[in-house]
Amino acid sequence: MNRQELVDRIAEKEELPKAKAASILKTVLEAVVDTVKADDKLTLVGFGTFKLQNRPARTGRNPSTGAAIKIAATNVPKFVPGAAFKAAVNQPKKKCRKACKPKAKK
């Protein structure tokens, strides 16, 4: 699935114009990027957590020459899936545990 297909699905499911669905998706993605960029965690219970992970400097090898090279430290975004997401992906529907059952509306 690509971005446009996701926009189409949101628009269809929520009965919104595609432009409004695209705007909502853009806002959500910007919020995720801005939060992780500020070195904060963004947790969506049942879905997962987006966070920033520090990758320290290390020594690597040039594969063609075998020479040692220094690789600089960097920050990388990381996603850790939540329990309900893992359960939904790994379990068949019949065996899906309590975590992937929809919650009752009040």
N, C-alpha and C. Protein backbone atom coordinates (compact mmCIF):
# COMPACT_ATOMS: atom_id res chain seq x y z
N MET A 1 0.85 -1.17 0.00
CA MET A 1 0.00 0.00 0.00
C MET A 1 0.89 1.23 0.00
N ASN A 2 0.53 2.20 -0.81
CA ASN A 2 1.27 3.45 -0.82
C ASN A 2 0.43 4.56 -0.19
N ARG A 3 0.97 5.76 -0.17
CA ARG A 3 0.31 6.88 0.50
C ARG A 3 -1.07 7.17 -0.09
N GLN A 4 -1.17 7.18 -1.43
CA GLN A 4 -2.44 7.50 -2.07
C GLN A 4 -3.50 6.44 -1.76
N GLU A 5 -3.11 5.18 -1.73
CA GLU A 5 -4.05 4.12 -1.39
C GLU A 5 -4.53 4.26 0.06
N LEU A 6 -3.64 4.70 0.95
CA LEU A 6 -4.02 4.94 2.33
C LEU A 6 -5.00 6.10 2.43
N VAL A 7 -4.74 7.16 1.69
CA VAL A 7 -5.66 8.31 1.65
C VAL A 7 -7.02 7.86 1.14
N ASP A 8 -7.03 7.06 0.09
CA ASP A 8 -8.30 6.56 -0.47
C ASP A 8 -9.06 5.73 0.57
N ARG A 9 -8.35 4.89 1.32
CA ARG A 9 -9.01 4.06 2.32
C ARG A 9 -9.58 4.91 3.45
N ILE A 10 -8.82 5.90 3.91
CA ILE A 10 -9.31 6.80 4.97
C ILE A 10 -10.55 7.55 4.49
N ALA A 11 -10.49 8.08 3.27
CA ALA A 11 -11.61 8.84 2.72
C ALA A 11 -12.86 7.97 2.61
N GLU A 12 -12.68 6.75 2.15
CA GLU A 12 -13.83 5.85 1.99
C GLU A 12 -14.42 5.44 3.34
N LYS A 13 -13.56 5.05 4.26
CA LYS A 13 -14.03 4.56 5.56
C LYS A 13 -14.69 5.66 6.39
N GLU A 14 -14.14 6.85 6.36
CA GLU A 14 -14.66 7.96 7.17
C GLU A 14 -15.62 8.87 6.40
N GLU A 15 -15.89 8.51 5.14
CA GLU A 15 -16.79 9.29 4.29
C GLU A 15 -16.37 10.76 4.22
N LEU A 16 -15.11 10.96 3.87
CA LEU A 16 -14.52 12.30 3.74
C LEU A 16 -14.08 12.52 2.31
N PRO A 17 -13.97 13.78 1.88
CA PRO A 17 -13.33 14.04 0.58
C PRO A 17 -11.86 13.62 0.65
N LYS A 18 -11.31 13.20 -0.47
CA LYS A 18 -9.92 12.73 -0.50
C LYS A 18 -8.95 13.83 -0.07
N ALA A 19 -9.25 15.08 -0.40
CA ALA A 19 -8.36 16.19 -0.01
C ALA A 19 -8.31 16.32 1.51
N LYS A 20 -9.46 16.16 2.17
CA LYS A 20 -9.50 16.25 3.63
C LYS A 20 -8.75 15.07 4.26
N ALA A 21 -8.94 13.87 3.71
CA ALA A 21 -8.24 12.69 4.21
C ALA A 21 -6.73 12.85 4.04
N ALA A 22 -6.29 13.41 2.90
CA ALA A 22 -4.86 13.64 2.66
C ALA A 22 -4.31 14.65 3.65
N SER A 23 -5.10 15.67 3.96
CA SER A 23 -4.68 16.69 4.92
C SER A 23 -4.53 16.09 6.32
N ILE A 24 -5.47 15.24 6.71
CA ILE A 24 -5.41 14.59 8.02
C ILE A 24 -4.18 13.69 8.11
N LEU A 25 -3.95 12.89 7.07
CA LEU A 25 -2.77 12.01 7.06
C LEU A 25 -1.49 12.83 7.14
N LYS A 26 -1.42 13.93 6.39
CA LYS A 26 -0.23 14.79 6.41
C LYS A 26 0.01 15.34 7.82
N THR A 27 -1.06 15.76 8.48
CA THR A 27 -0.94 16.31 9.83
C THR A 27 -0.44 15.26 10.81
N VAL A 28 -0.97 14.04 10.71
CA VAL A 28 -0.54 12.95 11.60
C VAL A 28 0.94 12.63 11.38
N LEU A 29 1.34 12.51 10.13
CA LEU A 29 2.74 12.18 9.84
C LEU A 29 3.69 13.30 10.28
N GLU A 30 3.27 14.55 10.10
CA GLU A 30 4.10 15.67 10.56
C GLU A 30 4.24 15.64 12.08
N ALA A 31 3.17 15.29 12.79
CA ALA A 31 3.23 15.21 14.25
C ALA A 31 4.20 14.12 14.69
N VAL A 32 4.18 12.98 14.00
CA VAL A 32 5.11 11.89 14.33
C VAL A 32 6.55 12.35 14.11
N VAL A 33 6.83 12.95 12.96
CA VAL A 33 8.18 13.40 12.64
C VAL A 33 8.65 14.47 13.62
N ASP A 34 7.80 15.46 13.90
CA ASP A 34 8.18 16.54 14.81
C ASP A 34 8.45 16.03 16.22
N THR A 35 7.64 15.07 16.68
CA THR A 35 7.82 14.53 18.03
C THR A 35 9.12 13.75 18.13
N VAL A 36 9.39 12.89 17.16
CA VAL A 36 10.62 12.08 17.18
C VAL A 36 11.84 12.99 16.99
N LYS A 37 11.71 13.99 16.12
CA LYS A 37 12.81 14.93 15.88
C LYS A 37 13.18 15.69 17.16
N ALA A 38 12.19 15.95 18.02
CA ALA A 38 12.43 16.65 19.29
C ALA A 38 12.93 15.69 20.37
N ASP A 39 13.25 14.45 20.00
CA ASP A 39 13.75 13.42 20.90
C ASP A 39 12.73 13.03 21.96
N ASP A 40 11.45 13.07 21.59
CA ASP A 40 10.37 12.60 22.45
C ASP A 40 9.83 11.30 21.86
N LYS A 41 9.17 10.51 22.71
CA LYS A 41 8.54 9.28 22.23
C LYS A 41 7.08 9.59 21.90
N LEU A 42 6.58 8.95 20.86
CA LEU A 42 5.17 9.04 20.53
C LEU A 42 4.61 7.62 20.63
N THR A 43 3.71 7.41 21.59
CA THR A 43 3.15 6.09 21.83
C THR A 43 1.69 6.06 21.45
N LEU A 44 1.35 5.13 20.57
CA LEU A 44 -0.04 4.89 20.20
C LEU A 44 -0.37 3.52 20.80
N VAL A 45 -1.10 3.52 21.91
CA VAL A 45 -1.37 2.29 22.65
C VAL A 45 -2.03 1.27 21.73
N GLY A 46 -1.49 0.07 21.72
CA GLY A 46 -1.99 -1.00 20.89
C GLY A 46 -1.36 -1.04 19.51
N PHE A 47 -0.80 0.09 19.06
CA PHE A 47 -0.16 0.13 17.74
C PHE A 47 1.35 0.05 17.86
N GLY A 48 1.94 1.00 18.62
CA GLY A 48 3.38 0.98 18.79
C GLY A 48 3.94 2.31 19.24
N THR A 49 5.27 2.37 19.29
CA THR A 49 5.97 3.55 19.76
C THR A 49 7.01 3.98 18.73
N PHE A 50 7.02 5.27 18.43
CA PHE A 50 8.03 5.87 17.57
C PHE A 50 8.99 6.60 18.49
N LYS A 51 10.30 6.38 18.29
CA LYS A 51 11.28 7.06 19.14
C LYS A 51 12.58 7.26 18.37
N LEU A 52 13.47 8.06 18.94
CA LEU A 52 14.76 8.34 18.34
C LEU A 52 15.81 7.47 19.03
N GLN A 53 16.64 6.81 18.24
CA GLN A 53 17.69 5.96 18.80
C GLN A 53 19.04 6.49 18.35
N ASN A 54 19.97 6.58 19.30
CA ASN A 54 21.32 7.05 19.00
C ASN A 54 22.17 5.87 18.55
N ARG A 55 22.80 6.00 17.40
CA ARG A 55 23.72 4.98 16.91
C ARG A 55 25.13 5.54 17.09
N PRO A 56 25.93 4.95 17.99
CA PRO A 56 27.26 5.52 18.28
C PRO A 56 28.22 5.38 17.10
N ALA A 57 29.30 6.17 17.16
CA ALA A 57 30.35 6.09 16.14
C ALA A 57 31.01 4.72 16.21
N ARG A 58 31.45 4.23 15.07
CA ARG A 58 32.08 2.92 15.02
C ARG A 58 33.07 2.86 13.87
N THR A 59 33.87 1.80 13.86
CA THR A 59 34.82 1.59 12.78
C THR A 59 34.26 0.52 11.86
N GLY A 60 34.28 0.81 10.57
CA GLY A 60 33.80 -0.14 9.58
C GLY A 60 34.91 -0.47 8.59
N ARG A 61 34.60 -1.24 7.59
CA ARG A 61 35.58 -1.63 6.57
C ARG A 61 35.03 -1.31 5.19
N ASN A 62 35.89 -0.78 4.34
CA ASN A 62 35.56 -0.58 2.94
C ASN A 62 35.57 -1.97 2.28
N PRO A 63 34.44 -2.41 1.73
CA PRO A 63 34.41 -3.77 1.21
C PRO A 63 35.33 -4.03 0.01
N SER A 64 35.61 -3.01 -0.77
CA SER A 64 36.47 -3.24 -1.94
C SER A 64 37.95 -3.23 -1.60
N THR A 65 38.37 -2.40 -0.63
CA THR A 65 39.80 -2.32 -0.30
C THR A 65 40.14 -2.98 1.03
N GLY A 66 39.15 -3.15 1.89
CA GLY A 66 39.41 -3.72 3.20
C GLY A 66 39.96 -2.70 4.20
N ALA A 67 40.08 -1.44 3.78
CA ALA A 67 40.62 -0.41 4.66
C ALA A 67 39.59 -0.04 5.73
N ALA A 68 40.11 0.26 6.93
CA ALA A 68 39.24 0.67 8.03
C ALA A 68 38.77 2.11 7.80
N ILE A 69 37.50 2.35 8.05
CA ILE A 69 36.95 3.71 7.93
C ILE A 69 36.16 4.03 9.19
N LYS A 70 36.09 5.30 9.53
CA LYS A 70 35.31 5.74 10.69
C LYS A 70 33.90 6.08 10.23
N ILE A 71 32.92 5.54 10.93
CA ILE A 71 31.52 5.84 10.66
C ILE A 71 31.04 6.73 11.79
N ALA A 72 30.53 7.90 11.46
CA ALA A 72 30.13 8.89 12.45
C ALA A 72 28.88 8.45 13.22
N ALA A 73 28.73 8.98 14.42
CA ALA A 73 27.53 8.74 15.21
C ALA A 73 26.34 9.40 14.53
N THR A 74 25.17 8.80 14.69
CA THR A 74 23.98 9.36 14.07
C THR A 74 22.75 8.98 14.88
N ASN A 75 21.68 9.70 14.67
CA ASN A 75 20.40 9.39 15.28
C ASN A 75 19.50 8.79 14.20
N VAL A 76 18.78 7.72 14.54
CA VAL A 76 17.89 7.07 13.59
C VAL A 76 16.51 6.91 14.23
N PRO A 77 15.45 7.10 13.45
CA PRO A 77 14.11 6.85 13.99
C PRO A 77 13.88 5.36 14.13
N LYS A 78 13.13 4.98 15.16
CA LYS A 78 12.86 3.56 15.42
C LYS A 78 11.39 3.40 15.76
N PHE A 79 10.79 2.31 15.25
CA PHE A 79 9.41 1.98 15.57
C PHE A 79 9.40 0.63 16.29
N VAL A 80 8.73 0.59 17.44
CA VAL A 80 8.57 -0.64 18.20
C VAL A 80 7.09 -0.98 18.21
N PRO A 81 6.69 -2.07 17.56
CA PRO A 81 5.26 -2.40 17.50
C PRO A 81 4.70 -2.78 18.87
N GLY A 82 3.43 -2.44 19.10
CA GLY A 82 2.75 -2.76 20.35
C GLY A 82 2.24 -4.20 20.36
N ALA A 83 1.78 -4.64 21.51
CA ALA A 83 1.34 -6.03 21.69
C ALA A 83 0.16 -6.37 20.79
N ALA A 84 -0.82 -5.47 20.68
CA ALA A 84 -1.99 -5.76 19.85
C ALA A 84 -1.61 -5.85 18.38
N PHE A 85 -0.70 -5.00 17.94
CA PHE A 85 -0.23 -5.02 16.55
C PHE A 85 0.49 -6.35 16.27
N LYS A 86 1.39 -6.74 17.16
CA LYS A 86 2.11 -7.99 17.01
C LYS A 86 1.15 -9.17 16.97
N ALA A 87 0.18 -9.18 17.88
CA ALA A 87 -0.78 -10.27 17.94
C ALA A 87 -1.61 -10.35 16.67
N ALA A 88 -2.02 -9.22 16.15
CA ALA A 88 -2.84 -9.20 14.94
C ALA A 88 -2.05 -9.70 13.74
N VAL A 89 -0.76 -9.40 13.68
CA VAL A 89 0.07 -9.81 12.55
C VAL A 89 0.49 -11.27 12.65
N ASN A 90 0.78 -11.75 13.84
CA ASN A 90 1.34 -13.08 14.02
C ASN A 90 0.32 -14.20 14.23
N GLN A 91 -0.86 -13.88 14.66
CA GLN A 91 -1.85 -14.90 14.98
C GLN A 91 -2.94 -14.98 13.91
N PRO A 92 -3.38 -16.18 13.55
CA PRO A 92 -4.55 -16.28 12.70
C PRO A 92 -5.77 -15.75 13.44
N LYS A 93 -6.80 -15.34 12.74
CA LYS A 93 -7.96 -14.72 13.37
C LYS A 93 -8.59 -15.60 14.44
N LYS A 94 -8.63 -16.92 14.22
CA LYS A 94 -9.24 -17.82 15.19
C LYS A 94 -8.47 -17.82 16.50
N LYS A 95 -7.15 -17.75 16.43
CA LYS A 95 -6.31 -17.87 17.62
C LYS A 95 -5.86 -16.52 18.18
N CYS A 96 -6.34 -15.43 17.61
CA CYS A 96 -5.92 -14.10 18.06
C CYS A 96 -6.33 -13.88 19.51
N ARG A 97 -5.39 -13.47 20.30
CA ARG A 97 -5.62 -13.29 21.73
C ARG A 97 -6.47 -12.06 22.01
N LYS A 98 -6.65 -11.82 23.29
CA LYS A 98 -7.44 -10.70 23.77
C LYS A 98 -6.94 -9.37 23.21
N ALA A 99 -5.66 -9.24 22.96
CA ALA A 99 -5.06 -7.97 22.54
C ALA A 99 -5.60 -7.48 21.20
N CYS A 100 -6.03 -8.36 20.29
CA CYS A 100 -6.47 -7.89 18.98
C CYS A 100 -7.99 -7.85 18.85
N LYS A 101 -8.71 -8.09 19.93
CA LYS A 101 -10.16 -7.97 19.89
C LYS A 101 -10.53 -6.49 20.03
N PRO A 102 -11.52 -6.01 19.26
CA PRO A 102 -11.91 -4.62 19.40
C PRO A 102 -12.55 -4.36 20.75
N LYS A 103 -12.30 -3.19 21.29
CA LYS A 103 -12.85 -2.83 22.58
C LYS A 103 -14.31 -2.43 22.41
N ALA A 104 -15.11 -2.75 23.41
CA ALA A 104 -16.53 -2.41 23.37
C ALA A 104 -16.71 -0.91 23.54
N LYS A 105 -17.63 -0.34 22.76
CA LYS A 105 -17.90 1.09 22.88
C LYS A 105 -18.81 1.34 24.06
N LYS A 106 -18.58 2.45 24.73
CA LYS A 106 -19.40 2.79 25.90
C LYS A 106 -20.61 3.58 25.49
